Amino acid sequence: MKETKNTSRTRAQESSAAIEKMYITMRHLFNRGFYKPMGVSGDTLREALMTLRPEIYGNIADEKVELNGLLYVIERLPLGIEECRYINLTSDEGYSKSHFQAIVPPKRRRNCYRIDAEQMNIEITRGRSDIYDILTHLTFIFIESHKIKNRVLIDDAGEVSRDWLKLEEAVLKTDALTLVEKEIAISHAANILGRSFEDVLEIYDDFGSEENPDRFLCIIFWLGKLAMEEVVTNNKRTITFSPILRERLGHHIHGEIWATHIKEVLKTNHLLERPIHIISANMHSVMNSIFAKNALKSTLKGKSDFEIFEELSKSNANGNRILVEEVALQQGMISLPENSGANIDVQIFDTAKIDWATTSFPKANFGEQKPVLIVMDYAFGEQAYETVDELLKPYKKNIFLNVQSVSIMGKAGILEGGKGDIMIPNAHINEGTADNYYFENELTAEMFTGNGIAVYEGAMVTVLGTSLQNRDLLKFFHESTWGVIGLEMEGSHYQKAIQSASKIRKSIPKDVKVRYAYYASDNPLETGSTLASGGLGTTGVKPTYLITIKILEQIFNIK
């Protein structure tokens, strides 16, 4: 008689199923048009998130409130979101032309508008990934708000604990809190959150701003207040999707406007027929790599290239950054400020106008036709496909772009190593579907050796959202035969656009070169090293510029 095989699922399998369930549920809720996150319609999303228990959301499954995860989320949502019962996701529907003041979250480029005391509108112009990002963050803070409610609501009639009354007193006080009043309020807040006084004190100032240094208390109060009202008065928070957003999403509306504008600028400047190299990076590394050393030779005399780049990355370096930009503009750089709604800035470099003897690449070697560099800021998730797909299409149907290479430089999570290390992928795997995109990467690990930075080479997984990752699933990807070295959100979407344009639609040369390299922003497999643990600081400067320089050396034919 055969032994019965153990058919119980591993944590990695449960997590994979939870991500798929969230993906399907979010698309269903979007098509439905509205839902109540803490009501019956939000059950599946909440359950899947609790099953997944993403690393970035820390102790989401515990009774105590997760503080690092809350900070991570609050920095990516608009100021005042915790006070709003109604959250409306919209397309770009003309609010910029109204009296409403745009609110832009510190760590996400999206316009939000506070319509009244109870409603916040959030503009979605970067595709479905933006929706997944917002819905998972909102689900997290609503779950946390009910933890607060559970600790302060004594009965269904609305009677609350003394700690809550004292917190309310501090929040509603019109004058600034004294040190004594602040510490008393923190003591009561710590009891409400199930955290130590020290835990709260340590993170308190990170939530604050110049206008409201005590914002932490306000966030906790409003999250708890709305959660209690959901239970006591059945007045539930609601998320809606505007009809225009539902109509427009998936049709590349903003990507097409963005790409057409770039091509028109190329046409106006007689650059459309020239060899083109597209680089997805930030808006400073290419410009600084070419021009900074000469532009700052008097102000930063004697400093090495990487010391100059580190100086330019400091918050007080605005004067030096302006000097570099002025030199770049004088030598053919065209800056295209964003006005399409895609939230992706662009720089165009005409290499024919650059005095190469005065740059960091005096040995740049081109043929008769000097190339054009198009540097585009980072896309967000699925937006990478929308923007690059539109950019690689012909201009007005019959003028094909001579795209010689597409280079992607970005931040990613690493699964072996630490912050600041470099990853060189040879394939992108779509999480959830295992669709995979193998490619010949022009960059290799050997090119980066000898610089004091660890380099890893292998496949990378393109995830639905960085906020949905959990250790078990990532461990499986890393330790199984997939051999995944890191995770990011855009790689497979970029490659899908490049492959369709070069291999199927023939709108760009079939032998277009591709380059991918990432530097590690976090290691989600290490406790205390997730994105919620803080930014890279100056650790990211050297790998960012090292990758940029290696990309440029290949484009400039420097051996």
Protein backbone atom coordinates (compact mmCIF):
# COMPACT_ATOMS: atom_id res chain seq x y z
CA MET A 1 0.00 0.00 0.00
CA LYS A 2 1.40 3.39 -0.97
CA GLU A 3 2.15 5.90 1.73
CA THR A 4 -0.09 8.95 1.62
CA LYS A 5 1.98 11.88 0.42
CA ASN A 6 2.08 14.93 2.66
CA THR A 7 0.08 17.54 0.72
CA SER A 8 0.33 20.40 3.21
CA ARG A 9 1.54 23.66 1.67
CA THR A 10 4.82 25.33 2.55
CA ARG A 11 4.89 28.95 3.73
CA ALA A 12 6.37 29.90 0.34
CA GLN A 13 3.41 28.28 -1.45
CA GLU A 14 0.92 29.96 0.89
CA SER A 15 2.63 33.31 0.28
CA SER A 16 2.63 32.85 -3.49
CA ALA A 17 -1.10 32.01 -3.39
CA ALA A 18 -1.75 35.07 -1.18
CA ILE A 19 0.00 37.39 -3.66
CA GLU A 20 -2.01 35.92 -6.56
CA LYS A 21 -5.22 36.32 -4.54
CA MET A 22 -4.38 39.97 -3.77
CA TYR A 23 -3.62 40.66 -7.43
CA ILE A 24 -6.94 39.18 -8.60
CA THR A 25 -8.90 40.82 -5.76
CA MET A 26 -7.50 44.29 -6.41
CA ARG A 27 -8.39 44.06 -10.11
CA HIS A 28 -11.89 42.86 -9.20
CA LEU A 29 -12.43 45.73 -6.73
CA PHE A 30 -11.20 48.21 -9.35
CA ASN A 31 -13.71 46.87 -11.90
CA ARG A 32 -16.44 46.98 -9.25
CA GLY A 33 -15.75 50.68 -8.67
CA PHE A 34 -15.76 50.89 -4.87
CA TYR A 35 -15.30 48.87 -1.68
CA LYS A 36 -15.11 49.20 2.09
CA PRO A 37 -11.65 48.03 3.23
CA MET A 38 -12.79 46.97 6.71
CA GLY A 39 -16.17 45.64 5.53
CA VAL A 40 -17.17 42.40 3.84
CA SER A 41 -15.88 43.61 0.45
CA GLY A 42 -12.39 44.09 1.92
CA ASP A 43 -12.24 40.69 3.66
CA THR A 44 -10.27 38.87 0.94
CA LEU A 45 -7.66 41.62 0.65
CA ARG A 46 -7.17 41.77 4.44
CA GLU A 47 -6.97 38.00 4.80
CA ALA A 48 -4.44 37.69 1.96
CA LEU A 49 -2.26 40.44 3.45
CA MET A 50 -2.40 38.77 6.88
CA THR A 51 -1.48 35.41 5.31
CA LEU A 52 1.39 36.99 3.40
CA ARG A 53 2.71 39.04 6.35
CA PRO A 54 5.14 41.07 4.20
CA GLU A 55 8.51 41.89 5.76
CA ILE A 56 8.04 45.61 5.20
CA TYR A 57 4.90 45.61 7.36
CA GLY A 58 6.74 43.97 10.25
CA ASN A 59 4.44 42.87 13.07
CA ILE A 60 1.20 43.19 11.08
CA ALA A 61 -0.09 39.89 12.50
CA ASP A 62 0.67 40.83 16.15
CA GLU A 63 -1.57 42.74 18.54
CA LYS A 64 0.91 45.58 18.95
CA VAL A 65 0.99 48.33 16.34
CA GLU A 66 3.85 48.13 13.80
CA LEU A 67 5.74 51.46 13.91
CA ASN A 68 8.46 51.11 11.21
CA GLY A 69 5.92 49.80 8.72
CA LEU A 70 3.55 52.65 9.60
CA LEU A 71 6.30 55.21 8.96
CA TYR A 72 7.16 53.60 5.61
CA VAL A 73 3.52 53.77 4.51
CA ILE A 74 2.79 57.27 5.81
CA GLU A 75 5.75 58.65 3.80
CA ARG A 76 4.13 57.24 0.66
CA LEU A 77 0.60 58.51 1.26
CA PRO A 78 -0.61 62.13 1.25
CA LEU A 79 -0.52 64.32 4.34
CA GLY A 80 -3.86 64.06 6.15
CA ILE A 81 -4.89 60.69 4.69
CA GLU A 82 -5.41 59.33 8.22
CA GLU A 83 -8.26 61.85 8.76
CA CYS A 84 -10.18 60.88 5.60
CA ARG A 85 -13.11 58.48 5.56
CA TYR A 86 -13.48 58.62 1.77
CA ILE A 87 -10.53 57.98 -0.54
CA ASN A 88 -11.18 58.47 -4.25
CA LEU A 89 -8.68 57.19 -6.82
CA THR A 90 -8.94 59.30 -9.98
CA SER A 91 -7.23 59.84 -13.32
CA ASP A 92 -5.81 63.28 -14.17
CA GLU A 93 -9.21 64.99 -14.23
CA GLY A 94 -8.29 68.68 -14.08
CA TYR A 95 -7.85 69.26 -10.34
CA SER A 96 -4.55 71.03 -11.10
CA LYS A 97 -6.64 73.81 -12.67
CA SER A 98 -8.72 74.28 -9.51
CA HIS A 99 -8.15 76.00 -6.17
CA PHE A 100 -7.21 72.63 -4.62
CA GLN A 101 -3.57 72.51 -3.60
CA ALA A 102 -1.67 69.42 -4.77
CA ILE A 103 -0.29 67.28 -1.95
CA VAL A 104 2.70 65.17 -3.01
CA PRO A 105 3.83 62.42 -0.59
CA PRO A 106 7.54 62.67 0.38
CA LYS A 107 8.46 59.26 -1.09
CA ARG A 108 6.03 58.86 -4.02
CA ARG A 109 5.46 61.10 -7.05
CA ARG A 110 1.70 61.36 -7.19
CA ASN A 111 -0.64 64.36 -6.94
CA CYS A 112 -3.29 64.17 -4.22
CA TYR A 113 -6.04 66.66 -3.38
CA ARG A 114 -7.88 67.13 -0.10
CA ILE A 115 -11.43 67.78 -1.30
CA ASP A 116 -12.97 68.38 2.13
CA ALA A 117 -12.54 67.28 5.74
CA GLU A 118 -13.53 63.70 4.90
CA GLN A 119 -12.29 63.08 1.34
CA MET A 120 -8.88 62.67 -0.27
CA ASN A 121 -8.48 62.30 -4.04
CA ILE A 122 -5.36 60.48 -5.28
CA GLU A 123 -4.38 60.81 -8.97
CA ILE A 124 -3.33 57.59 -10.69
CA THR A 125 -1.27 58.36 -13.78
CA ARG A 126 1.38 55.62 -13.59
CA GLY A 127 -0.72 52.52 -14.20
CA ARG A 128 -1.95 49.56 -12.19
CA SER A 129 1.20 49.27 -10.05
CA ASP A 130 0.27 52.62 -8.48
CA ILE A 131 -3.14 51.19 -7.53
CA TYR A 132 -1.63 48.00 -6.06
CA ASP A 133 0.82 50.13 -4.07
CA ILE A 134 -1.89 52.41 -2.64
CA LEU A 135 -4.40 49.66 -1.86
CA THR A 136 -1.89 47.51 0.01
CA HIS A 137 -0.67 50.52 2.00
CA LEU A 138 -4.23 51.56 2.86
CA THR A 139 -5.16 48.00 3.84
CA PHE A 140 -2.15 47.94 6.17
CA ILE A 141 -2.95 51.22 7.95
CA PHE A 142 -6.63 50.26 8.32
CA ILE A 143 -5.61 46.95 9.92
CA GLU A 144 -3.32 48.89 12.27
CA SER A 145 -6.13 51.35 13.05
CA HIS A 146 -8.32 48.48 14.25
CA LYS A 147 -5.52 47.33 16.55
CA ILE A 148 -5.66 50.80 18.14
CA LYS A 149 -9.47 50.56 18.36
CA ASN A 150 -9.24 47.14 20.06
CA ARG A 151 -7.00 48.55 22.79
CA VAL A 152 -9.01 51.69 23.61
CA LEU A 153 -12.68 50.87 22.98
CA ILE A 154 -14.14 49.41 26.17
CA ASP A 155 -17.66 48.63 24.93
CA ASP A 156 -19.85 48.88 21.81
CA ALA A 157 -21.52 52.02 23.20
CA GLY A 158 -18.32 53.97 22.62
CA GLU A 159 -16.75 54.14 26.08
CA VAL A 160 -12.99 54.53 25.81
CA SER A 161 -9.94 54.06 28.02
CA ARG A 162 -8.24 56.82 30.04
CA ASP A 163 -5.16 56.57 27.77
CA TRP A 164 -7.33 57.50 24.80
CA LEU A 165 -8.88 60.50 26.56
CA LYS A 166 -5.41 61.80 27.46
CA LEU A 167 -4.16 61.30 23.89
CA GLU A 168 -7.22 63.16 22.55
CA GLU A 169 -6.54 66.01 24.97
CA ALA A 170 -2.95 66.35 23.69
CA VAL A 171 -3.96 66.17 20.00
CA LEU A 172 -6.76 68.75 20.29
CA LYS A 173 -4.56 71.22 22.22
CA THR A 174 -4.12 74.37 20.12
CA ASP A 175 -0.71 75.39 21.51
CA ALA A 176 2.52 73.51 20.82
CA LEU A 177 3.21 70.78 23.35
CA THR A 178 5.89 71.38 25.96
CA LEU A 179 8.50 68.65 26.51
CA VAL A 180 6.63 67.45 29.61
CA GLU A 181 3.26 67.38 27.79
CA LYS A 182 4.83 65.58 24.82
CA GLU A 183 6.35 62.87 27.02
CA ILE A 184 3.08 62.40 28.93
CA ALA A 185 1.25 62.00 25.59
CA ILE A 186 3.91 59.54 24.37
CA SER A 187 3.43 57.50 27.54
CA HIS A 188 -0.33 57.19 26.89
CA ALA A 189 0.26 56.52 23.16
CA ALA A 190 2.74 53.73 24.02
CA ASN A 191 0.08 52.00 26.14
CA ILE A 192 -2.44 52.30 23.30
CA LEU A 193 0.04 50.90 20.76
CA GLY A 194 1.28 48.07 22.95
CA ARG A 195 4.82 49.42 22.59
CA SER A 196 7.40 50.66 25.08
CA PHE A 197 7.89 54.36 25.80
CA GLU A 198 11.40 54.02 24.29
CA ASP A 199 10.03 52.44 21.06
CA VAL A 200 7.69 55.39 20.49
CA LEU A 201 10.23 58.04 21.52
CA GLU A 202 12.79 56.62 19.08
CA ILE A 203 10.53 56.96 16.01
CA TYR A 204 8.41 59.95 17.11
CA ASP A 205 10.38 62.70 15.34
CA ASP A 206 10.53 60.75 12.05
CA PHE A 207 6.77 61.28 11.64
CA GLY A 208 6.98 65.00 12.39
CA SER A 209 7.48 68.01 10.17
CA GLU A 210 8.38 71.67 10.74
CA GLU A 211 4.70 72.60 10.62
CA ASN A 212 3.61 69.76 12.91
CA PRO A 213 6.40 68.19 15.00
CA ASP A 214 3.79 66.16 16.93
CA ARG A 215 2.19 64.59 13.85
CA PHE A 216 2.77 61.09 15.24
CA LEU A 217 0.11 61.68 17.91
CA CYS A 218 -2.33 63.05 15.31
CA ILE A 219 -1.87 59.99 13.07
CA ILE A 220 -2.51 57.55 15.94
CA PHE A 221 -5.52 59.56 17.13
CA TRP A 222 -7.24 59.82 13.73
CA LEU A 223 -6.57 56.20 12.78
CA GLY A 224 -8.11 55.08 16.08
CA LYS A 225 -11.00 57.56 15.91
CA LEU A 226 -12.17 56.47 12.43
CA ALA A 227 -11.76 52.79 13.34
CA MET A 228 -13.96 53.27 16.41
CA GLU A 229 -16.60 55.08 14.36
CA GLU A 230 -16.66 52.11 11.96
CA VAL A 231 -17.67 49.87 14.86
CA VAL A 232 -19.82 52.19 17.00
CA THR A 233 -21.77 54.03 14.27
CA ASN A 234 -21.13 51.62 11.32
CA ASN A 235 -19.71 54.59 9.38
CA LYS A 236 -17.13 52.66 7.36
CA ARG A 237 -14.24 54.08 5.37
CA THR A 238 -14.71 53.71 1.61
CA ILE A 239 -12.34 53.58 -1.35
CA THR A 240 -13.76 54.50 -4.76
CA PHE A 241 -12.34 54.49 -8.30
CA SER A 242 -13.56 57.28 -10.57
CA PRO A 243 -15.37 56.30 -13.81
CA ILE A 244 -12.75 58.15 -15.90
CA LEU A 245 -9.90 56.25 -14.22
CA ARG A 246 -11.65 52.94 -14.89
CA GLU A 247 -12.17 53.97 -18.51
CA ARG A 248 -8.59 55.17 -19.13
CA LEU A 249 -6.45 52.66 -17.23
CA GLY A 250 -4.45 50.31 -19.45
CA HIS A 251 -4.69 52.48 -22.57
CA HIS A 252 -1.26 54.18 -22.28
CA ILE A 253 -2.87 57.64 -22.21
CA HIS A 254 -0.06 59.33 -20.26
CA GLY A 255 2.71 57.17 -21.73
CA GLU A 256 1.72 58.14 -25.27
CA ILE A 257 1.64 61.89 -24.46
CA TRP A 258 5.02 61.55 -22.71
CA ALA A 259 6.69 59.64 -25.57
CA THR A 260 5.23 61.83 -28.33
CA HIS A 261 6.58 64.95 -26.62
CA ILE A 262 10.10 63.43 -26.51
CA LYS A 263 9.97 62.55 -30.23
CA GLU A 264 8.72 66.02 -31.15
CA VAL A 265 11.63 67.60 -29.26
CA LEU A 266 14.02 65.26 -31.12
CA LYS A 267 12.39 66.27 -34.43
CA THR A 268 12.60 70.01 -33.63
CA ASN A 269 16.32 69.66 -32.81
CA HIS A 270 17.05 67.46 -35.88
CA LEU A 271 18.00 64.49 -33.71
CA LEU A 272 15.36 61.97 -34.81
CA GLU A 273 17.53 60.33 -37.50
CA ARG A 274 20.59 59.88 -35.26
CA PRO A 275 21.60 56.73 -33.32
CA ILE A 276 19.72 56.76 -30.00
CA HIS A 277 20.69 55.27 -26.64
CA ILE A 278 17.96 55.16 -23.99
CA ILE A 279 18.99 55.10 -20.33
CA SER A 280 16.57 54.65 -17.45
CA ALA A 281 18.27 56.20 -14.44
CA ASN A 282 17.94 59.19 -12.09
CA MET A 283 18.20 62.78 -13.26
CA HIS A 284 21.71 63.45 -12.01
CA SER A 285 24.09 60.49 -12.49
CA VAL A 286 24.55 60.72 -16.30
CA MET A 287 24.87 64.51 -16.28
CA ASN A 288 27.26 64.50 -13.30
CA SER A 289 29.35 61.62 -14.68
CA ILE A 290 30.02 63.56 -17.88
CA PHE A 291 30.29 67.17 -16.70
CA ALA A 292 30.81 67.43 -12.90
CA LYS A 293 34.59 67.00 -12.73
CA ASN A 294 35.29 69.90 -15.08
CA ALA A 295 32.39 72.10 -13.91
CA LEU A 296 33.55 71.90 -10.28
CA LYS A 297 37.33 71.84 -10.84
CA SER A 298 37.77 75.10 -8.89
CA THR A 299 35.16 74.63 -6.14
CA LEU A 300 36.04 70.99 -5.36
CA LYS A 301 39.72 71.04 -6.37
CA GLY A 302 41.74 67.95 -5.47
CA LYS A 303 38.77 65.67 -4.84
CA SER A 304 38.40 62.35 -6.65
CA ASP A 305 35.45 61.67 -8.96
CA PHE A 306 33.53 59.67 -6.36
CA GLU A 307 34.20 62.32 -3.68
CA ILE A 308 32.72 64.91 -6.06
CA PHE A 309 29.64 62.71 -6.64
CA GLU A 310 29.24 62.28 -2.88
CA GLU A 311 29.41 66.06 -2.37
CA LEU A 312 26.76 66.57 -5.07
CA SER A 313 24.43 64.09 -3.34
CA LYS A 314 24.35 66.13 -0.12
CA SER A 315 21.24 68.16 0.63
CA ASN A 316 23.20 71.45 0.86
CA ALA A 317 24.90 71.02 -2.55
CA ASN A 318 22.29 72.91 -4.56
CA GLY A 319 24.80 75.56 -5.72
CA ASN A 320 27.20 72.96 -7.12
CA ARG A 321 24.35 71.05 -8.79
CA ILE A 322 23.27 74.26 -10.57
CA LEU A 323 26.86 74.81 -11.82
CA VAL A 324 26.97 71.32 -13.34
CA GLU A 325 23.55 71.73 -14.94
CA GLU A 326 24.57 75.07 -16.48
CA VAL A 327 27.61 73.47 -18.13
CA ALA A 328 25.45 70.56 -19.40
CA LEU A 329 22.87 72.93 -20.88
CA GLN A 330 25.62 74.90 -22.62
CA GLN A 331 26.88 71.67 -24.20
CA GLY A 332 23.68 70.40 -25.75
CA MET A 333 21.63 68.94 -22.89
CA ILE A 334 17.87 69.49 -23.26
CA SER A 335 15.82 69.17 -20.09
CA LEU A 336 12.18 68.14 -20.48
CA PRO A 337 10.22 68.92 -17.32
CA GLU A 338 7.32 66.53 -16.76
CA ASN A 339 3.86 67.74 -17.82
CA SER A 340 2.22 64.61 -19.27
CA GLY A 341 1.08 63.09 -15.98
CA ALA A 342 3.55 60.21 -16.32
CA ASN A 343 5.77 61.79 -13.64
CA ILE A 344 8.92 60.82 -15.52
CA ASP A 345 11.41 63.64 -16.21
CA VAL A 346 13.68 63.37 -19.26
CA GLN A 347 17.07 64.72 -20.35
CA ILE A 348 18.33 64.58 -23.94
CA PHE A 349 22.09 64.80 -24.61
CA ASP A 350 23.33 65.69 -28.11
CA THR A 351 26.84 64.22 -28.06
CA ALA A 352 27.80 66.31 -31.12
CA LYS A 353 27.64 69.47 -29.00
CA ILE A 354 29.77 68.16 -26.13
CA ASP A 355 33.41 69.27 -25.84
CA TRP A 356 34.70 65.83 -24.90
CA ALA A 357 38.19 67.07 -23.99
CA THR A 358 36.66 68.92 -21.01
CA THR A 359 34.60 65.95 -19.78
CA SER A 360 35.38 62.82 -17.77
CA PHE A 361 35.33 60.84 -21.05
CA PRO A 362 38.01 62.48 -23.26
CA LYS A 363 38.49 59.16 -25.14
CA ALA A 364 34.84 59.00 -26.28
CA ASN A 365 34.90 57.47 -29.75
CA PHE A 366 31.98 57.81 -32.19
CA GLY A 367 31.54 57.26 -35.90
CA GLU A 368 30.31 59.91 -38.30
CA GLN A 369 26.84 59.99 -36.74
CA LYS A 370 27.15 61.19 -33.16
CA PRO A 371 24.60 59.46 -30.92
CA VAL A 372 21.83 60.98 -28.82
CA LEU A 373 21.24 59.95 -25.21
CA ILE A 374 17.70 59.93 -23.83
CA VAL A 375 17.83 59.69 -20.04
CA MET A 376 14.46 58.92 -18.47
CA ASP A 377 13.73 58.98 -14.75
CA TYR A 378 12.58 55.77 -13.04
CA ALA A 379 9.23 54.31 -14.09
CA PHE A 380 6.99 52.65 -11.50
CA GLY A 381 6.14 48.96 -11.92
CA GLU A 382 3.95 48.23 -14.95
CA GLN A 383 4.42 51.84 -16.08
CA ALA A 384 7.83 50.72 -17.42
CA TYR A 385 6.08 48.78 -20.19
CA GLU A 386 3.69 51.64 -21.00
CA THR A 387 6.41 54.29 -21.35
CA VAL A 388 9.09 52.29 -23.15
CA ASP A 389 6.54 50.60 -25.45
CA GLU A 390 5.32 54.05 -26.53
CA LEU A 391 8.84 55.48 -26.79
CA LEU A 392 10.01 52.67 -29.11
CA LYS A 393 7.09 53.10 -31.53
CA PRO A 394 7.76 54.95 -34.83
CA TYR A 395 7.23 58.69 -34.96
CA LYS A 396 4.06 59.30 -37.01
CA LYS A 397 3.93 55.68 -38.27
CA ASN A 398 6.74 55.83 -40.83
CA ILE A 399 9.78 57.36 -39.07
CA PHE A 400 11.52 54.57 -37.17
CA LEU A 401 13.87 55.32 -34.31
CA ASN A 402 17.44 54.05 -34.64
CA VAL A 403 17.64 52.81 -31.05
CA GLN A 404 21.06 51.22 -30.55
CA SER A 405 20.74 50.33 -26.88
CA VAL A 406 18.46 50.45 -23.84
CA SER A 407 20.18 50.60 -20.45
CA ILE A 408 18.39 50.19 -17.12
CA MET A 409 20.04 51.28 -13.90
CA GLY A 410 17.98 51.09 -10.73
CA LYS A 411 17.55 50.20 -7.07
CA ALA A 412 16.51 46.70 -6.07
CA GLY A 413 16.26 44.40 -3.09
CA ILE A 414 19.12 41.91 -2.81
CA LEU A 415 18.82 38.35 -1.48
CA GLU A 416 22.50 37.71 -0.78
CA GLY A 417 24.66 40.60 0.33
CA GLY A 418 23.76 44.01 1.67
CA LYS A 419 22.94 47.64 0.91
CA GLY A 420 25.09 49.16 -1.82
CA ASP A 421 26.06 45.85 -3.49
CA ILE A 422 25.56 45.47 -7.26
CA MET A 423 23.35 42.96 -9.13
CA ILE A 424 23.79 42.06 -12.82
CA PRO A 425 20.75 40.11 -14.09
CA ASN A 426 20.64 37.69 -17.02
CA ALA A 427 16.87 37.12 -16.83
CA HIS A 428 13.71 38.58 -15.27
CA ILE A 429 11.06 36.29 -13.80
CA ASN A 430 7.52 37.57 -13.23
CA GLU A 431 6.41 36.76 -9.71
CA GLY A 432 3.19 34.77 -9.54
CA THR A 433 3.20 33.64 -13.18
CA ALA A 434 6.86 32.52 -13.61
CA ASP A 435 6.78 34.15 -17.09
CA ASN A 436 10.45 34.75 -17.79
CA TYR A 437 12.53 36.98 -20.03
CA TYR A 438 16.08 35.82 -20.76
CA PHE A 439 18.44 38.30 -22.44
CA GLU A 440 22.09 38.87 -23.27
CA ASN A 441 23.24 41.55 -20.84
CA GLU A 442 26.04 43.73 -22.22
CA LEU A 443 27.17 44.33 -18.63
CA THR A 444 28.97 41.57 -16.75
CA ALA A 445 30.00 41.07 -13.13
CA GLU A 446 33.69 41.13 -14.13
CA MET A 447 33.38 44.76 -15.26
CA PHE A 448 32.64 45.83 -11.68
CA THR A 449 35.31 43.88 -9.79
CA GLY A 450 38.13 45.66 -7.99
CA ASN A 451 36.01 48.56 -6.76
CA GLY A 452 35.38 47.38 -3.21
CA ILE A 453 31.75 46.49 -3.96
CA ALA A 454 30.35 42.95 -3.96
CA VAL A 455 28.78 41.97 -7.32
CA TYR A 456 26.19 39.23 -7.92
CA GLU A 457 25.06 37.78 -11.25
CA GLY A 458 21.91 35.76 -11.95
CA ALA A 459 18.16 35.95 -12.46
CA MET A 460 15.99 38.60 -10.80
CA VAL A 461 12.31 38.48 -9.94
CA THR A 462 9.96 41.30 -10.98
CA VAL A 463 7.46 41.67 -8.15
CA LEU A 464 3.94 43.06 -7.96
CA GLY A 465 5.03 45.52 -5.27
CA THR A 466 8.00 45.84 -2.94
CA SER A 467 5.54 46.08 -0.05
CA LEU A 468 4.22 42.55 -0.70
CA GLN A 469 7.39 40.55 -0.16
CA ASN A 470 7.79 37.98 2.58
CA ARG A 471 10.84 36.05 3.67
CA ASP A 472 9.59 32.53 2.87
CA LEU A 473 8.78 33.28 -0.76
CA LEU A 474 12.02 35.18 -1.34
CA LYS A 475 14.01 32.38 0.33
CA PHE A 476 12.40 29.89 -2.08
CA PHE A 477 13.29 32.02 -5.12
CA HIS A 478 16.86 32.42 -3.86
CA GLU A 479 17.60 28.85 -2.71
CA SER A 480 15.73 26.87 -5.39
CA THR A 481 17.00 26.29 -8.94
CA TRP A 482 15.57 29.70 -9.92
CA GLY A 483 18.71 31.09 -8.23
CA VAL A 484 17.24 34.57 -7.92
CA ILE A 485 19.72 37.21 -6.69
CA GLY A 486 17.31 40.11 -6.17
CA LEU A 487 13.88 41.64 -6.63
CA GLU A 488 12.63 44.76 -8.36
CA MET A 489 9.41 46.05 -9.95
CA GLU A 490 10.16 47.06 -13.55
CA GLY A 491 12.67 44.70 -15.22
CA SER A 492 10.33 42.28 -17.00
CA HIS A 493 8.07 45.17 -18.07
CA TYR A 494 11.03 46.97 -19.70
CA GLN A 495 12.18 43.74 -21.38
CA LYS A 496 8.68 42.93 -22.64
CA ALA A 497 8.56 46.31 -24.40
CA ILE A 498 12.09 45.95 -25.83
CA GLN A 499 11.50 42.41 -27.12
CA SER A 500 8.16 43.21 -28.76
CA ALA A 501 9.60 46.33 -30.46
CA SER A 502 12.80 44.63 -31.70
CA LYS A 503 11.71 41.04 -32.41
CA ILE A 504 8.03 41.28 -33.39
CA ARG A 505 7.01 44.82 -34.36
CA LYS A 506 10.42 45.60 -35.93
CA SER A 507 10.13 49.26 -34.94
CA ILE A 508 13.72 49.31 -33.64
CA PRO A 509 16.79 47.31 -34.78
CA LYS A 510 16.53 43.59 -33.90
CA ASP A 511 20.11 43.59 -32.55
CA VAL A 512 19.44 46.37 -30.02
CA LYS A 513 21.78 46.03 -27.04
CA VAL A 514 20.38 45.82 -23.51
CA ARG A 515 22.10 46.59 -20.23
CA TYR A 516 20.67 45.98 -16.78
CA ALA A 517 22.38 46.68 -13.47
CA TYR A 518 20.93 47.36 -10.02
CA TYR A 519 22.36 48.49 -6.69
CA ALA A 520 20.91 47.11 -3.49
CA SER A 521 18.66 49.37 -1.45
CA ASP A 522 17.78 46.66 1.09
CA ASN A 523 17.93 42.97 1.91
CA PRO A 524 14.42 41.76 2.80
CA LEU A 525 15.85 38.42 4.03
CA GLU A 526 17.77 40.19 6.80
CA THR A 527 16.02 41.45 9.91
CA GLY A 528 16.47 45.23 10.13
CA SER A 529 17.53 45.58 6.49
CA THR A 530 14.16 45.99 4.75
CA LEU A 531 13.13 49.22 3.03
CA ALA A 532 11.32 50.21 6.22
CA SER A 533 14.66 50.35 8.05
CA GLY A 534 15.67 53.56 6.29
CA GLY A 535 17.38 54.84 3.15
CA LEU A 536 20.81 54.18 1.68
CA GLY A 537 22.36 57.55 2.57
CA THR A 538 25.78 57.95 0.92
CA THR A 539 26.12 54.13 0.60
CA GLY A 540 24.26 54.32 -2.71
CA VAL A 541 26.48 56.98 -4.30
CA LYS A 542 29.41 54.78 -5.38
CA PRO A 543 27.38 51.92 -6.93
CA THR A 544 25.03 54.39 -8.66
CA TYR A 545 27.89 56.19 -10.39
CA LEU A 546 29.93 53.05 -11.01
CA ILE A 547 27.01 51.52 -12.93
CA THR A 548 26.38 54.80 -14.80
CA ILE A 549 30.05 55.09 -15.81
CA LYS A 550 30.19 51.48 -17.08
CA ILE A 551 27.04 52.08 -19.18
CA LEU A 552 28.49 55.30 -20.63
CA GLU A 553 31.87 53.71 -21.37
CA GLN A 554 30.13 51.12 -23.55
CA ILE A 555 28.01 53.73 -25.33
CA PHE A 556 31.10 55.93 -25.84
CA ASN A 557 33.18 52.94 -27.11
CA ILE A 558 35.83 53.33 -24.42
CA LYS A 559 37.80 50.12 -23.96
